[in-house]
Protein backbone atom coordinates (compact mmCIF):
# COMPACT_ATOMS: atom_id res chain seq x y z
CA MET A 1 3.04 29.82 -1.46
CA GLU A 2 4.17 28.22 -3.42
CA ILE A 3 3.78 23.99 -3.29
CA LYS A 4 6.13 21.31 -5.05
CA LEU A 5 4.68 17.49 -5.03
CA LYS A 6 6.13 14.40 -6.47
CA LYS A 7 4.48 13.18 -9.99
CA ASP A 8 6.34 9.99 -11.40
CA LYS A 9 10.14 10.91 -10.41
CA ASP A 10 10.01 14.55 -11.18
CA TYR A 11 8.52 17.18 -8.64
CA VAL A 12 6.01 19.40 -10.26
CA CYS A 13 4.83 23.36 -8.59
CA ALA A 14 1.89 25.57 -8.35
CA ASN A 15 1.72 28.64 -6.64
CA ILE A 16 -1.41 29.93 -3.72
CA ASP A 17 -2.39 32.77 -2.69
CA ASP A 18 -1.51 33.35 0.45
CA THR A 19 -5.12 34.91 1.33
CA HIS A 20 -6.12 31.59 1.12
CA ASN A 21 -5.98 29.11 4.58
CA ILE A 22 -3.60 26.77 4.15
CA GLU A 23 -2.35 23.60 5.78
CA ILE A 24 0.46 21.42 4.44
CA LEU A 25 -0.20 18.37 6.04
CA MET A 26 3.39 16.03 6.66
CA PRO A 27 4.15 12.75 8.28
CA ASN A 28 5.08 14.16 11.99
CA THR A 29 8.61 12.37 11.39
CA SER A 30 10.88 13.99 13.64
CA GLU A 31 15.15 14.01 12.34
CA ILE A 32 15.99 10.33 11.85
CA ASN A 33 19.72 10.50 12.78
CA LYS A 34 20.00 6.43 12.02
CA SER A 35 21.68 4.65 9.70
CA GLU A 36 18.85 2.13 7.21
CA GLU A 37 21.46 -0.24 8.39
CA PHE A 38 21.51 0.32 12.02
CA ILE A 39 17.76 0.14 12.10
CA ILE A 40 17.44 -3.36 10.01
CA ILE A 41 20.27 -4.83 12.15
CA GLU A 42 18.68 -2.95 15.28
CA ALA A 43 15.63 -4.89 14.64
CA LEU A 44 16.95 -8.32 13.97
CA LYS A 45 19.51 -8.08 16.97
CA ASN A 46 16.12 -7.50 18.96
CA PRO A 47 12.95 -9.00 17.93
CA ILE A 48 9.93 -8.84 19.25
CA ASN A 49 7.92 -12.18 21.20
CA SER A 50 10.05 -14.18 18.83
CA GLU A 51 13.48 -15.97 18.71
CA LEU A 52 16.88 -14.25 16.53
CA LEU A 53 15.90 -15.49 12.87
CA TYR A 54 19.42 -17.72 13.06
CA LYS A 55 18.43 -19.28 15.60
CA ILE A 56 14.50 -20.43 14.13
CA ALA A 57 16.41 -21.37 10.57
CA LYS A 58 17.84 -25.01 10.72
CA PRO A 59 19.87 -25.96 8.27
CA GLY A 60 19.09 -28.21 5.39
CA GLU A 61 14.85 -26.54 5.77
CA LYS A 62 13.53 -25.21 2.35
CA ILE A 63 12.78 -21.65 3.02
CA VAL A 64 11.28 -18.82 1.53
CA ILE A 65 10.99 -15.58 2.42
CA ILE A 66 7.94 -13.50 0.55
CA THR A 67 8.32 -9.89 -0.55
CA SER A 68 6.76 -7.23 -2.34
CA ASP A 69 5.97 -6.93 -6.03
CA ILE A 70 6.64 -3.25 -7.86
CA THR A 71 3.97 -2.11 -7.38
CA ARG A 72 4.71 -0.80 -3.69
CA PRO A 73 7.69 1.32 -2.15
CA MET A 74 9.70 -1.61 0.02
CA LYS A 75 12.79 -1.75 -0.04
CA SER A 76 13.76 -5.17 -0.26
CA LYS A 77 16.75 -4.96 -2.11
CA VAL A 78 18.14 -3.10 0.76
CA VAL A 79 16.59 -5.68 3.75
CA LEU A 80 17.07 -8.83 2.05
CA PRO A 81 21.32 -8.88 2.12
CA TYR A 82 20.63 -8.76 6.28
CA ILE A 83 17.93 -11.11 6.49
CA LEU A 84 19.89 -13.00 4.50
CA GLN A 85 23.18 -13.30 6.32
CA GLU A 86 20.43 -14.11 8.99
CA LEU A 87 20.17 -17.55 7.17
CA GLN A 88 23.70 -18.40 6.03
CA ASN A 89 24.64 -17.66 9.92
CA ALA A 90 22.41 -20.04 11.13
CA ASN A 91 23.89 -22.32 8.02
CA VAL A 92 20.97 -22.71 5.64
CA LYS A 93 22.20 -22.82 2.19
CA LYS A 94 21.03 -20.13 -0.73
CA ASP A 95 19.88 -23.16 -2.79
CA ASP A 96 17.19 -24.17 0.08
CA ILE A 97 16.19 -19.89 -0.64
CA THR A 98 13.72 -19.16 -2.16
CA ILE A 99 12.30 -15.28 -2.81
CA VAL A 100 8.50 -14.93 -3.57
CA LEU A 101 7.66 -11.98 -5.31
CA ALA A 102 4.11 -11.85 -4.03
CA LEU A 103 1.80 -10.83 -6.61
CA GLY A 104 -1.52 -11.32 -4.56
CA SER A 105 -3.79 -10.09 -8.44
CA HIS A 106 -0.43 -7.97 -10.43
CA ARG A 107 0.72 -8.42 -13.25
CA LYS A 108 3.81 -10.38 -13.76
CA HIS A 109 7.53 -9.57 -13.25
CA THR A 110 10.30 -9.07 -16.22
CA GLU A 111 13.41 -9.58 -15.36
CA GLU A 112 14.81 -6.43 -15.62
CA GLU A 113 12.20 -5.71 -12.93
CA LYS A 114 13.44 -8.71 -10.18
CA ILE A 115 16.77 -7.46 -10.66
CA HIS A 116 15.30 -3.84 -9.64
CA LEU A 117 13.31 -5.64 -6.80
CA VAL A 118 15.75 -7.78 -5.16
CA GLY A 119 19.31 -6.42 -6.50
CA GLU A 120 21.98 -7.70 -8.64
CA GLU A 121 23.75 -9.98 -6.44
CA VAL A 122 20.75 -11.65 -4.49
CA TYR A 123 19.54 -12.20 -8.04
CA ARG A 124 22.42 -13.96 -9.80
CA THR A 125 22.90 -16.23 -6.78
CA ILE A 126 19.17 -16.61 -4.66
CA LYS A 127 15.97 -18.35 -6.69
CA ILE A 128 13.26 -15.67 -7.46
CA ILE A 129 9.95 -16.37 -8.14
CA ASP A 130 6.71 -14.49 -8.83
CA SER A 131 3.61 -16.25 -6.73
CA ASP A 132 1.01 -17.67 -8.94
CA MET A 133 -2.79 -17.47 -7.55
CA ASN A 134 -2.98 -20.30 -9.60
CA ASP A 135 -1.06 -23.00 -8.39
CA TYR A 136 -1.89 -23.82 -4.45
CA LYS A 137 -2.68 -25.19 -1.76
CA ASN A 138 -6.04 -25.34 0.97
CA PHE A 139 -5.68 -24.95 4.42
CA GLY A 140 -8.86 -24.37 5.72
CA THR A 141 -11.42 -21.63 5.67
CA CYS A 142 -11.25 -18.34 7.84
CA LYS A 143 -14.36 -17.20 10.29
CA ASN A 144 -15.39 -15.00 8.02
CA GLY A 145 -15.74 -17.81 5.04
CA THR A 146 -12.69 -16.42 2.85
CA PRO A 147 -10.32 -19.99 2.07
CA VAL A 148 -7.00 -20.03 2.79
CA ASP A 149 -5.48 -20.75 -0.49
CA ILE A 150 -1.21 -20.18 -0.20
CA PHE A 151 1.12 -20.14 -3.25
CA THR A 152 2.58 -23.96 -3.69
CA PRO A 153 6.09 -23.34 -2.86
CA VAL A 154 5.23 -21.44 0.48
CA ALA A 155 2.70 -23.75 1.41
CA GLU A 156 5.18 -26.86 1.11
CA ALA A 157 7.74 -24.65 2.49
CA ASP A 158 9.02 -25.67 6.27
CA ARG A 159 9.72 -21.66 7.14
CA ILE A 160 7.98 -18.90 5.88
CA ILE A 161 9.42 -15.26 6.06
CA CYS A 162 7.56 -12.01 5.62
CA LEU A 163 9.24 -9.15 4.35
CA GLY A 164 7.07 -5.52 4.31
CA ASN A 165 6.27 -1.99 4.50
CA VAL A 166 3.36 -0.82 6.56
CA GLU A 167 1.96 1.80 5.56
CA TYR A 168 -1.82 3.11 5.22
CA HIS A 169 -4.46 0.72 3.59
CA TYR A 170 -8.29 2.18 2.42
CA PHE A 171 -9.94 -0.92 3.95
CA ALA A 172 -7.20 -3.41 5.27
CA GLY A 173 -6.75 -0.36 7.44
CA TYR A 174 -3.04 -0.97 7.40
CA SER A 175 -0.10 -3.28 5.62
CA GLY A 176 2.16 -5.01 6.76
CA GLY A 177 1.86 -8.25 8.72
CA ALA A 178 0.04 -11.05 7.82
CA LYS A 179 -0.88 -9.37 3.85
CA ALA A 180 2.45 -10.92 2.69
CA ILE A 181 0.07 -13.96 2.60
CA MET A 182 -3.58 -12.74 2.42
CA PRO A 183 -3.52 -11.59 -0.58
CA GLY A 184 0.29 -11.06 -1.40
CA VAL A 185 0.42 -15.20 -2.21
CA SER A 186 -3.36 -16.29 -1.98
CA SER A 187 -5.65 -17.86 -4.47
CA TYR A 188 -7.71 -15.49 -6.79
CA ALA A 189 -10.93 -16.82 -4.79
CA ALA A 190 -9.38 -16.31 -1.62
CA ILE A 191 -8.21 -12.56 -2.46
CA GLN A 192 -11.79 -12.07 -4.03
CA ALA A 193 -13.30 -13.46 -0.68
CA ASN A 194 -11.33 -11.69 1.53
CA HIS A 195 -11.73 -8.01 -0.08
CA SER A 196 -15.35 -8.24 0.00
CA ASN A 197 -15.25 -7.66 3.33
CA MET A 198 -14.53 -3.57 2.59
CA VAL A 199 -18.03 -2.86 2.65
CA LYS A 200 -18.40 -3.98 6.38
CA GLU A 201 -18.30 -1.61 8.93
CA GLY A 202 -14.66 -1.71 10.57
CA SER A 203 -13.28 -1.46 7.02
CA TYR A 204 -11.46 1.31 6.43
CA ALA A 205 -7.36 2.66 6.92
CA GLY A 206 -6.59 3.27 10.67
CA ASN A 207 -8.64 0.69 11.79
CA LEU A 208 -7.31 -3.15 13.07
CA ASP A 209 -8.84 -4.79 15.66
CA THR A 210 -12.94 -4.52 14.11
CA ASN A 211 -11.27 -4.60 10.80
CA PRO A 212 -12.89 -7.98 9.00
CA VAL A 213 -10.29 -7.36 6.62
CA ARG A 214 -7.25 -7.88 8.54
CA GLN A 215 -8.86 -10.31 10.75
CA ASP A 216 -9.24 -12.31 7.49
CA ILE A 217 -5.56 -11.45 7.59
CA ASP A 218 -4.43 -12.35 10.90
CA GLU A 219 -5.99 -15.68 10.44
CA VAL A 220 -4.00 -17.04 8.02
CA GLY A 221 -1.34 -17.55 10.88
CA LYS A 222 -3.71 -19.79 12.77
CA HIS A 223 -3.35 -22.09 10.07
CA ILE A 224 -0.07 -21.53 8.31
CA LYS A 225 2.64 -20.92 10.61
CA ILE A 226 4.70 -17.69 9.74
CA ASP A 227 7.76 -18.03 11.24
CA PHE A 228 9.26 -13.88 11.01
CA ILE A 229 8.00 -11.25 9.87
CA PHE A 230 9.84 -8.33 9.21
CA ASN A 231 8.26 -4.73 8.53
CA VAL A 232 9.48 -1.38 7.55
CA LEU A 233 8.13 2.47 8.23
CA GLN A 234 9.33 4.61 4.91
CA ALA A 235 9.40 8.34 5.02
CA SER A 236 8.08 10.31 1.90
CA ASP A 237 11.42 9.36 -0.24
CA LYS A 238 11.52 5.95 1.61
CA THR A 239 13.86 6.39 3.45
CA ILE A 240 13.93 3.58 5.95
CA VAL A 241 13.09 5.15 9.48
CA GLY A 242 11.96 2.46 11.44
CA ALA A 243 12.30 -1.54 11.52
CA PHE A 244 10.10 -4.50 13.55
CA ALA A 245 11.32 -7.76 13.66
CA GLY A 246 9.59 -11.35 15.26
CA HIS A 247 6.11 -12.23 15.84
CA TYR A 248 3.41 -11.88 12.99
CA ILE A 249 1.24 -9.59 14.84
CA ASP A 250 3.18 -8.61 17.76
CA ALA A 251 5.41 -7.18 15.46
CA HIS A 252 2.84 -6.04 12.50
CA ARG A 253 1.67 -4.19 15.70
CA ALA A 254 4.30 -2.35 16.62
CA ALA A 255 5.11 -1.18 13.44
CA CYS A 256 1.55 0.15 13.60
CA ARG A 257 1.98 1.94 17.04
CA ALA A 258 4.83 3.22 15.53
CA LEU A 259 3.07 4.38 11.73
CA ASP A 260 0.03 6.08 13.78
CA ALA A 261 2.91 8.62 15.81
CA MET A 262 4.74 9.56 12.82
CA TYR A 263 2.12 10.04 9.58
CA LYS A 264 -1.73 9.19 11.33
CA VAL A 265 -2.09 13.74 11.82
CA ASN A 266 -5.22 15.62 13.31
CA ILE A 267 -6.84 18.50 11.23
CA LYS A 268 -8.46 21.56 12.27
CA ASP A 269 -10.84 21.15 9.88
CA LYS A 270 -11.83 19.90 6.79
CA ALA A 271 -10.42 21.56 3.81
CA ASP A 272 -12.74 23.32 -0.13
CA VAL A 273 -9.68 21.69 -1.60
CA VAL A 274 -8.01 19.14 -0.83
CA ILE A 275 -4.28 18.67 -3.43
CA VAL A 276 -2.49 15.03 -3.23
CA SER A 277 0.08 13.76 -4.35
CA PRO A 278 0.36 9.92 -3.23
CA GLY A 279 4.37 10.36 -2.98
CA GLY A 280 5.70 9.90 -6.83
CA TYR A 281 7.26 6.63 -8.26
CA PRO A 282 5.79 3.72 -7.62
CA LYS A 283 2.64 4.69 -5.79
CA ASP A 284 1.70 6.44 -9.15
CA ILE A 285 1.92 3.96 -11.79
CA ASN A 286 -1.08 3.78 -12.64
CA ILE A 287 -4.55 4.32 -11.09
CA TYR A 288 -5.43 1.38 -9.11
CA GLN A 289 -2.63 2.19 -6.79
CA ALA A 290 -3.05 5.70 -7.03
CA GLN A 291 -6.59 5.03 -5.64
CA LYS A 292 -4.78 4.57 -1.88
CA ALA A 293 -3.58 8.64 -1.49
CA LEU A 294 -7.10 9.48 -3.25
CA ASP A 295 -8.88 7.60 -0.28
CA ASN A 296 -6.60 9.18 1.95
CA ALA A 297 -7.51 12.68 0.87
CA ARG A 298 -11.49 11.94 1.26
CA HIS A 299 -10.91 11.99 4.97
CA ALA A 300 -9.88 16.12 4.82
CA VAL A 301 -12.82 16.76 2.09
CA LYS A 302 -15.68 18.81 3.13
CA ASP A 303 -19.03 17.20 1.31
CA GLY A 304 -19.33 19.50 -2.28
CA GLY A 305 -15.45 20.00 -2.26
CA THR A 306 -12.66 19.15 -4.95
CA ILE A 307 -9.96 16.55 -4.51
CA ILE A 308 -7.27 17.69 -6.97
CA LEU A 309 -4.77 14.08 -7.31
CA CYS A 310 -1.38 15.12 -8.95
CA ALA A 311 -0.67 11.53 -9.94
CA SER A 312 1.75 9.82 -13.11
CA CYS A 313 -0.60 7.09 -13.76
CA LYS A 314 1.63 6.54 -16.88
CA GLU A 315 0.44 2.51 -17.07
CA GLY A 316 -2.89 3.39 -17.00
CA PHE A 317 -5.39 1.12 -14.81
CA GLU A 318 -3.70 -2.29 -14.21
CA ASN A 319 -6.69 -4.23 -14.05
CA ASP A 320 -9.29 -5.20 -17.12
CA ILE A 321 -11.83 -5.81 -13.89
CA PHE A 322 -10.80 -2.24 -12.50
CA GLU A 323 -10.74 -0.24 -16.07
CA ASN A 324 -13.94 -2.24 -17.55
CA TRP A 325 -15.90 -0.54 -15.01
CA MET A 326 -14.65 2.44 -14.03
CA MET A 327 -15.21 3.11 -18.68
CA THR A 328 -18.56 1.47 -18.35
CA LYS A 329 -20.65 2.15 -15.31
CA THR A 330 -21.92 5.06 -13.88
CA LYS A 331 -20.19 5.93 -10.32
CA GLU A 332 -23.96 4.22 -9.01
CA GLN A 333 -24.23 1.46 -10.85
CA MET A 334 -20.92 0.77 -9.07
CA VAL A 335 -21.68 0.93 -5.86
CA LYS A 336 -24.81 -0.29 -6.08
CA GLU A 337 -23.11 -3.62 -7.51
CA ILE A 338 -20.14 -4.05 -5.22
CA LYS A 339 -22.16 -4.43 -1.94
CA GLU A 340 -24.69 -6.80 -4.09
CA ASN A 341 -21.10 -8.72 -5.66
CA PHE A 342 -18.15 -8.51 -4.41
CA VAL A 343 -15.79 -8.57 -7.43
CA LEU A 344 -12.05 -8.40 -7.28
CA GLY A 345 -10.91 -4.93 -9.09
CA GLY A 346 -14.59 -3.24 -9.28
CA HIS A 347 -13.80 -3.23 -5.75
CA LYS A 348 -10.94 -0.55 -6.36
CA ALA A 349 -13.63 0.95 -9.34
CA ALA A 350 -15.94 1.78 -6.53
CA ALA A 351 -13.96 3.34 -3.69
CA ILE A 352 -13.50 5.82 -6.59
CA ALA A 353 -17.47 6.00 -7.22
CA MET A 354 -17.68 6.89 -3.36
CA THR A 355 -15.37 9.90 -3.30
CA LEU A 356 -16.86 10.88 -6.71
CA MET A 357 -20.39 10.79 -5.03
CA LYS A 358 -18.60 13.45 -2.35
CA SER A 359 -15.93 15.75 -4.20
CA GLU A 360 -14.90 16.60 -7.17
CA ILE A 361 -12.02 15.01 -8.54
CA TYR A 362 -9.28 16.80 -9.83
CA MET A 363 -6.70 14.85 -11.85
CA VAL A 364 -2.40 15.84 -12.61
CA THR A 365 -1.49 13.11 -14.90
CA ASP A 366 0.65 11.95 -17.91
CA PHE A 367 -2.55 9.46 -18.84
CA ASP A 368 -4.87 10.03 -21.58
CA LYS A 369 -7.40 12.96 -21.29
CA SER A 370 -10.26 11.62 -23.19
CA THR A 371 -9.94 8.16 -20.95
CA ILE A 372 -9.71 10.85 -17.81
CA GLU A 373 -12.86 12.48 -18.41
CA HIS A 374 -14.51 9.52 -19.34
CA ILE A 375 -14.47 7.92 -15.80
CA GLY A 376 -15.80 11.28 -13.98
CA PHE A 377 -12.48 13.12 -13.58
CA LYS A 378 -11.31 16.82 -14.52
CA TYR A 379 -8.27 16.03 -16.59
CA PHE A 380 -5.22 18.83 -16.23
CA SER A 381 -2.07 18.25 -17.87
CA ASN A 382 -0.01 21.10 -14.92
CA LEU A 383 -0.78 21.30 -11.60
CA GLN A 384 -0.85 25.19 -11.53
CA ASP A 385 -3.79 25.40 -13.69
CA ALA A 386 -5.88 22.37 -11.49
CA VAL A 387 -5.34 24.97 -8.08
CA ASP A 388 -6.30 28.27 -9.79
CA ILE A 389 -9.72 26.65 -11.44
CA ALA A 390 -9.90 24.86 -7.63
CA ILE A 391 -9.63 27.06 -6.01
CA ASN A 392 -11.73 30.11 -7.77
CA LYS A 393 -14.80 27.80 -7.88
CA SER A 394 -15.17 29.92 -4.34
CA VAL A 395 -16.69 33.47 -3.71
CA HIS A 396 -14.68 33.42 -0.55
CA SER A 397 -11.09 32.18 0.22
CA SER A 398 -10.67 28.74 0.59
CA ARG A 399 -9.51 26.11 3.00
CA VAL A 400 -6.30 24.65 1.16
CA ILE A 401 -5.05 20.78 2.46
CA VAL A 402 -1.86 19.86 0.68
CA MET A 403 -1.02 16.12 0.91
CA PRO A 404 2.60 15.61 -0.50
CA ALA A 405 2.84 12.08 1.15
CA GLY A 406 -0.98 11.21 0.70
CA GLY A 407 -0.26 7.54 -0.02
CA SER A 408 1.15 7.29 3.91
CA THR A 409 -0.95 10.55 5.49
CA LEU A 410 -3.90 9.72 7.22
CA PRO A 411 -5.87 12.63 7.79
CA TYR A 412 -7.88 12.52 11.70
CA PHE A 413 -10.52 15.16 11.82
CA GLU A 414 -12.67 14.93 15.30
CA CYS A 415 -15.60 16.61 14.72
């Protein structure tokens, strides 16, 4: 059988002998015959537990639209014109609108990246800014002890609109909803405190109500009013296949239920070898982002098995603390230290360390070989070599699971 996986903006292929038990884990997406335009307009016409957006916004009000940064696959340039049309229908002036790109703790954008994210027309006519985790106002504290520190332009706005895509998150449960604010436009201290909950019970992909990380995220809306959200579901090729608008909790939960129907996939048994791609650019832009697919693959591999991560990661680590932990600490040290003293950036390293404790990780990548091997992965320049070596480790026929959309697919196995 030939398998084909996305790496960066291209595809790589490998052949697996049919004597092995091979399962291709794909989303449960049925044929979508509706255009992105139709899906977006219908969601705006039918908001969940909310008034129509053009009835919420008022002339003269300062409107902030928060949307994702360059590391996220959210198709802001597709959605934004429809949101802006709603505001125009409310007689809101363009000068009263600011689009905030939610960086969280990520790097700032170049102007070219801003254009790529929002489109040339929006870039030319609407104020576009990056969030800044050092510029914030405090709105109290969540019940878990997390400070509600919000980027000042968002904190001072009359109306807040949050955009985002909904997919599985390895410790927040799901992306989307109020995650545009926490951690999207929060302070460093708030992000660190929220993420420190990842070591607590309940912090795993696909879990909401008992997830302490998501509890912080949702509680933000009790401290600062989120007027409207617009969340999308995207297929592995980034096409918008679902949209949910309205109340920041209710619309988000509807999106999560739809995501489960599409991307939560039951597996017959765990595999000796799991071959996974985050889904290509931008999900494999660096190791920090590609880790999400690696964590999803962890749910599908047997203890002592092998995960083959096919990810470009040409930008390296992204985060200096993450890089330092990966380069200077053993996997045992990382897990021990994150439990004793949570450090933002170190949390990703600790998550990878937990995967390394369970399985070997082979990586087919465009990043530096010596660095990849130093952090405990086995480097491969092509997918076929990685597949051959992983499968030939076993004297018997191997069970192989292939995850072409690993950043979005959550394997689910009941013992």
